[in-house]
């Protein structure tokens, strides 16, 4: 099965000390995708054709800039801009069409429609998409078939809200009925327990700013704000700060 190809990275993520194993998998995929596109691959014709067509999203372009391959990024941006300039020249000769109930809310404007489409495409996002979906499916596959993984899952620190919801949504399609009931009980428990743990750490973090608590120990709250951001918004602040 395809899922077996992804068991090692999934197990590695659940072995790590993290507030969300799925975030850890996503961050690794994102880093690998950026390293790929900023490596020698940017000189390959098939890659350049795709980057010219799709461009990059507002999230990934700054991460690519931080990669330090300024020449590679400059060349990709140059050919992307050349491609978009050709499209703008074509669009300049097109007139607005009549607005329809069935068309996008652009007033029948082909330029606005094309530009809106360009904001929804990203070569890095597309490169990550397939593997990311397989990681989620593999997580459920392992839960369904591997008792040792189920124990590991149950001992985890839960997930961020985004990935908690995604696993909940996908579970009925990938788990047996008996395992689905057990999964729901398990994931809901670890999510509530760990969400409360981070929430309580965050409360003490804020209380520490009260002068009356100046000499009190930090307990487990020093990084509570970072962990709270990840739990609620699927953003690994520490990892992003390292990039």
Protein backbone atom coordinates (compact mmCIF):
# COMPACT_ATOMS: atom_id res chain seq x y z
CA UNK A 1 0.00 0.00 0.00
CA UNK A 2 1.11 3.56 -0.70
CA UNK A 3 0.66 4.46 2.96
CA UNK A 4 3.54 2.15 3.92
CA UNK A 5 5.97 4.45 2.09
CA UNK A 6 5.17 7.22 4.55
CA UNK A 7 5.24 5.32 7.85
CA UNK A 8 8.78 6.41 8.81
CA UNK A 9 8.20 10.20 8.64
CA UNK A 10 4.83 9.81 10.37
CA UNK A 11 6.34 7.75 13.19
CA UNK A 12 9.24 10.21 13.47
CA UNK A 13 6.80 13.10 13.88
CA UNK A 14 4.87 11.29 16.61
CA UNK A 15 8.14 10.41 18.37
CA UNK A 16 9.13 14.09 18.49
CA UNK A 17 8.30 16.35 21.43
CA UNK A 18 5.84 18.63 19.64
CA UNK A 19 2.47 20.23 20.25
CA UNK A 20 1.29 18.95 16.86
CA UNK A 21 2.92 16.05 14.97
CA UNK A 22 1.10 17.04 11.78
CA UNK A 23 2.62 20.53 11.98
CA UNK A 24 6.03 18.86 12.29
CA UNK A 25 5.35 16.83 9.14
CA UNK A 26 4.11 19.90 7.30
CA UNK A 27 7.15 21.98 8.31
CA UNK A 28 9.52 19.26 7.05
CA UNK A 29 7.65 19.01 3.74
CA UNK A 30 7.72 22.78 3.36
CA UNK A 31 11.44 22.97 4.08
CA UNK A 32 12.19 20.14 1.62
CA UNK A 33 10.04 21.73 -1.09
CA UNK A 34 11.78 25.09 -0.74
CA UNK A 35 15.22 23.43 -0.73
CA UNK A 36 14.22 21.60 -3.92
CA UNK A 37 13.01 24.63 -5.81
CA UNK A 38 15.94 26.76 -4.66
CA UNK A 39 18.47 24.06 -5.52
CA UNK A 40 19.72 23.09 -8.97
CA UNK A 41 16.16 22.22 -10.04
CA UNK A 42 15.37 25.86 -10.83
CA UNK A 43 17.51 25.46 -13.97
CA UNK A 44 15.43 22.53 -15.24
CA UNK A 45 13.05 23.42 -18.06
CA UNK A 46 10.07 21.47 -16.71
CA UNK A 47 10.37 23.09 -13.29
CA UNK A 48 10.76 26.56 -14.79
CA UNK A 49 7.67 26.03 -16.97
CA UNK A 50 5.63 25.24 -13.85
CA UNK A 51 7.03 28.12 -11.77
CA UNK A 52 6.36 30.50 -14.69
CA UNK A 53 2.75 29.37 -14.75
CA UNK A 54 2.00 29.09 -11.02
CA UNK A 55 4.37 31.51 -9.34
CA UNK A 56 4.58 31.47 -5.53
CA UNK A 57 2.24 32.42 -2.71
CA UNK A 58 2.78 35.24 -0.22
CA UNK A 59 3.78 32.73 2.45
CA UNK A 60 6.45 30.83 0.51
CA UNK A 61 8.10 33.64 -1.44
CA UNK A 62 9.65 35.23 1.70
CA UNK A 63 10.90 31.80 2.82
CA UNK A 64 12.51 31.33 -0.59
CA UNK A 65 14.16 34.74 -0.26
CA UNK A 66 15.63 33.70 3.09
CA UNK A 67 17.15 30.63 1.42
CA UNK A 68 20.01 32.92 0.24
CA UNK A 69 20.03 31.69 -3.37
CA UNK A 70 19.28 35.20 -4.61
CA UNK A 71 20.50 34.48 -8.16
CA UNK A 72 18.25 31.43 -8.47
CA UNK A 73 15.24 33.30 -7.14
CA UNK A 74 16.05 36.27 -9.35
CA UNK A 75 16.13 34.09 -12.47
CA UNK A 76 12.84 32.41 -11.55
CA UNK A 77 11.18 35.75 -10.87
CA UNK A 78 12.53 37.15 -14.13
CA UNK A 79 11.03 34.42 -16.31
CA UNK A 80 7.82 34.47 -14.23
CA UNK A 81 7.48 38.21 -14.81
CA UNK A 82 8.18 37.73 -18.53
CA UNK A 83 5.35 35.18 -18.67
CA UNK A 84 2.96 37.43 -16.76
CA UNK A 85 3.86 40.41 -18.96
CA UNK A 86 2.81 38.39 -22.02
CA UNK A 87 -0.49 37.54 -20.32
CA UNK A 88 -1.10 41.19 -19.39
CA UNK A 89 -0.48 42.25 -22.97
CA UNK A 90 -3.06 39.72 -24.16
CA UNK A 91 -5.54 40.83 -21.50
CA UNK A 92 -5.06 44.49 -22.41
CA UNK A 93 -6.90 43.87 -25.66
CA UNK A 94 -9.90 42.19 -24.01
CA UNK A 95 -13.01 44.09 -22.96
CA UNK A 96 -15.14 43.57 -19.91
CA UNK A 97 -18.03 41.18 -20.43
CA UNK A 98 -21.53 41.29 -19.05
CA UNK A 99 -21.92 40.33 -15.40
CA UNK A 100 -23.69 37.02 -14.89
CA UNK A 101 -25.25 35.36 -11.85
CA UNK A 102 -23.02 32.39 -12.63
CA UNK A 103 -19.71 34.25 -13.06
CA UNK A 104 -17.23 35.33 -10.42
CA UNK A 105 -17.84 38.68 -8.79
CA UNK A 106 -15.45 40.47 -11.13
CA UNK A 107 -17.95 42.29 -13.31
CA UNK A 108 -17.07 40.04 -16.26
CA UNK A 109 -13.54 41.47 -16.24
CA UNK A 110 -11.05 38.90 -17.68
CA UNK A 111 -8.10 40.81 -16.20
CA UNK A 112 -9.54 40.71 -12.68
CA UNK A 113 -10.41 37.02 -13.09
CA UNK A 114 -6.91 36.11 -14.27
CA UNK A 115 -5.23 38.06 -11.49
CA UNK A 116 -7.50 36.44 -8.90
CA UNK A 117 -6.48 33.02 -10.22
CA UNK A 118 -2.80 33.94 -9.95
CA UNK A 119 -3.23 34.68 -6.25
CA UNK A 120 -4.43 31.10 -5.71
CA UNK A 121 -1.52 29.24 -7.28
CA UNK A 122 1.90 28.35 -5.85
CA UNK A 123 4.49 25.88 -7.07
CA UNK A 124 5.67 25.08 -3.52
CA UNK A 125 2.12 24.51 -2.22
CA UNK A 126 1.36 22.18 -5.13
CA UNK A 127 4.60 20.24 -4.65
CA UNK A 128 3.71 19.64 -0.99
CA UNK A 129 0.03 18.84 -1.46
CA UNK A 130 0.21 15.15 -2.44
CA UNK A 131 2.71 14.14 0.26
CA UNK A 132 0.83 16.12 2.92
CA UNK A 133 -2.41 14.29 2.12
CA UNK A 134 -0.59 10.94 2.20
CA UNK A 135 0.83 11.78 5.63
CA UNK A 136 -2.66 12.34 7.03
CA UNK A 137 -3.94 9.14 5.42
CA UNK A 138 -0.91 7.22 6.72
CA UNK A 139 -1.55 8.50 10.25
CA UNK A 140 -5.04 7.02 10.08
CA UNK A 141 -3.76 3.86 8.36
CA UNK A 142 -1.29 3.27 11.20
CA UNK A 143 -3.97 3.94 13.79
CA UNK A 144 -6.17 1.37 12.06
CA UNK A 145 -3.52 -1.35 11.74
CA UNK A 146 -0.74 -0.84 14.31
CA UNK A 147 -1.47 -1.18 18.03
CA UNK A 148 1.94 0.25 18.94
CA UNK A 149 1.15 3.38 16.93
CA UNK A 150 -2.25 3.70 18.60
CA UNK A 151 -0.46 3.76 21.96
CA UNK A 152 1.98 6.37 20.64
CA UNK A 153 -0.92 8.43 19.28
CA UNK A 154 -2.67 8.29 22.66
CA UNK A 155 0.48 9.55 24.44
CA UNK A 156 0.98 12.49 22.09
CA UNK A 157 0.41 16.14 23.00
CA UNK A 158 -2.55 16.42 20.66
CA UNK A 159 -2.71 18.69 17.63
CA UNK A 160 -3.28 22.24 16.51
CA UNK A 161 -6.91 23.13 15.84
CA UNK A 162 -6.49 22.96 12.05
CA UNK A 163 -5.00 19.46 11.96
CA UNK A 164 -7.33 18.22 14.72
CA UNK A 165 -10.22 19.15 12.44
CA UNK A 166 -8.65 17.59 9.34
CA UNK A 167 -8.01 14.26 11.06
CA UNK A 168 -11.57 14.27 12.42
CA UNK A 169 -12.97 14.91 8.95
CA UNK A 170 -10.89 12.22 7.22
CA UNK A 171 -11.21 9.50 9.86
CA UNK A 172 -14.57 7.97 8.76
CA UNK A 173 -13.15 7.27 5.29
CA UNK A 174 -10.02 5.50 6.55
CA UNK A 175 -10.92 3.72 9.79
CA UNK A 176 -13.03 0.67 10.55
CA UNK A 177 -16.22 1.34 12.51
CA UNK A 178 -14.81 -0.11 15.73
CA UNK A 179 -11.56 1.81 15.41
CA UNK A 180 -13.40 5.01 14.47
CA UNK A 181 -15.26 5.04 17.79
CA UNK A 182 -12.01 4.44 19.67
CA UNK A 183 -10.22 7.07 17.58
CA UNK A 184 -12.85 9.73 18.30
CA UNK A 185 -12.63 9.05 22.04
CA UNK A 186 -8.83 9.13 21.97
CA UNK A 187 -8.26 12.20 19.82
CA UNK A 188 -10.94 14.21 21.63
CA UNK A 189 -9.38 13.32 24.99
CA UNK A 190 -5.79 14.18 24.10
CA UNK A 191 -6.89 17.36 22.34
CA UNK A 192 -8.92 18.67 25.29
CA UNK A 193 -6.30 17.66 27.87
CA UNK A 194 -3.40 19.23 26.00
CA UNK A 195 -5.31 22.32 24.89
CA UNK A 196 -6.14 22.91 28.57
CA UNK A 197 -2.49 22.28 29.53
CA UNK A 198 -1.25 24.94 27.11
CA UNK A 199 -4.06 27.30 28.12
CA UNK A 200 -3.11 26.96 31.81
CA UNK A 201 0.58 27.51 31.01
CA UNK A 202 -0.40 30.63 29.06
CA UNK A 203 -2.44 31.91 31.99
CA UNK A 204 0.59 31.62 34.28
CA UNK A 205 2.74 33.27 31.59
CA UNK A 206 0.46 36.32 31.71
CA UNK A 207 0.25 36.22 35.51
CA UNK A 208 4.03 36.42 35.69
CA UNK A 209 3.81 40.00 34.40
CA UNK A 210 2.09 40.95 37.64
CA UNK A 211 4.73 42.44 39.97
CA UNK A 212 3.37 40.27 42.79
CA UNK A 213 4.58 37.18 40.90
CA UNK A 214 7.98 38.58 39.96
CA UNK A 215 9.85 36.15 42.20
CA UNK A 216 7.59 33.16 41.51
CA UNK A 217 8.92 30.33 39.28
CA UNK A 218 7.99 30.31 35.60
CA UNK A 219 7.01 26.64 35.84
CA UNK A 220 6.33 25.46 32.26
CA UNK A 221 5.17 28.83 30.97
CA UNK A 222 8.26 30.46 29.43
CA UNK A 223 7.38 29.26 25.91
CA UNK A 224 3.62 29.13 26.52
CA UNK A 225 2.85 31.96 24.08
CA UNK A 226 4.72 30.18 21.28
CA UNK A 227 2.90 26.92 22.00
CA UNK A 228 -0.47 28.68 22.24
CA UNK A 229 0.06 30.23 18.79
CA UNK A 230 0.82 26.81 17.33
CA UNK A 231 -2.13 25.11 19.06
CA UNK A 232 -4.60 27.67 17.78
CA UNK A 233 -3.19 28.60 14.37
CA UNK A 234 -0.95 25.75 13.11
CA UNK A 235 2.04 28.10 13.07
CA UNK A 236 5.34 26.82 14.46
CA UNK A 237 6.83 30.16 15.52
CA UNK A 238 10.17 28.75 16.64
CA UNK A 239 10.72 26.85 13.39
CA UNK A 240 9.75 29.84 11.25
CA UNK A 241 12.12 32.06 13.25
CA UNK A 242 15.02 29.72 12.43
CA UNK A 243 14.43 29.99 8.66
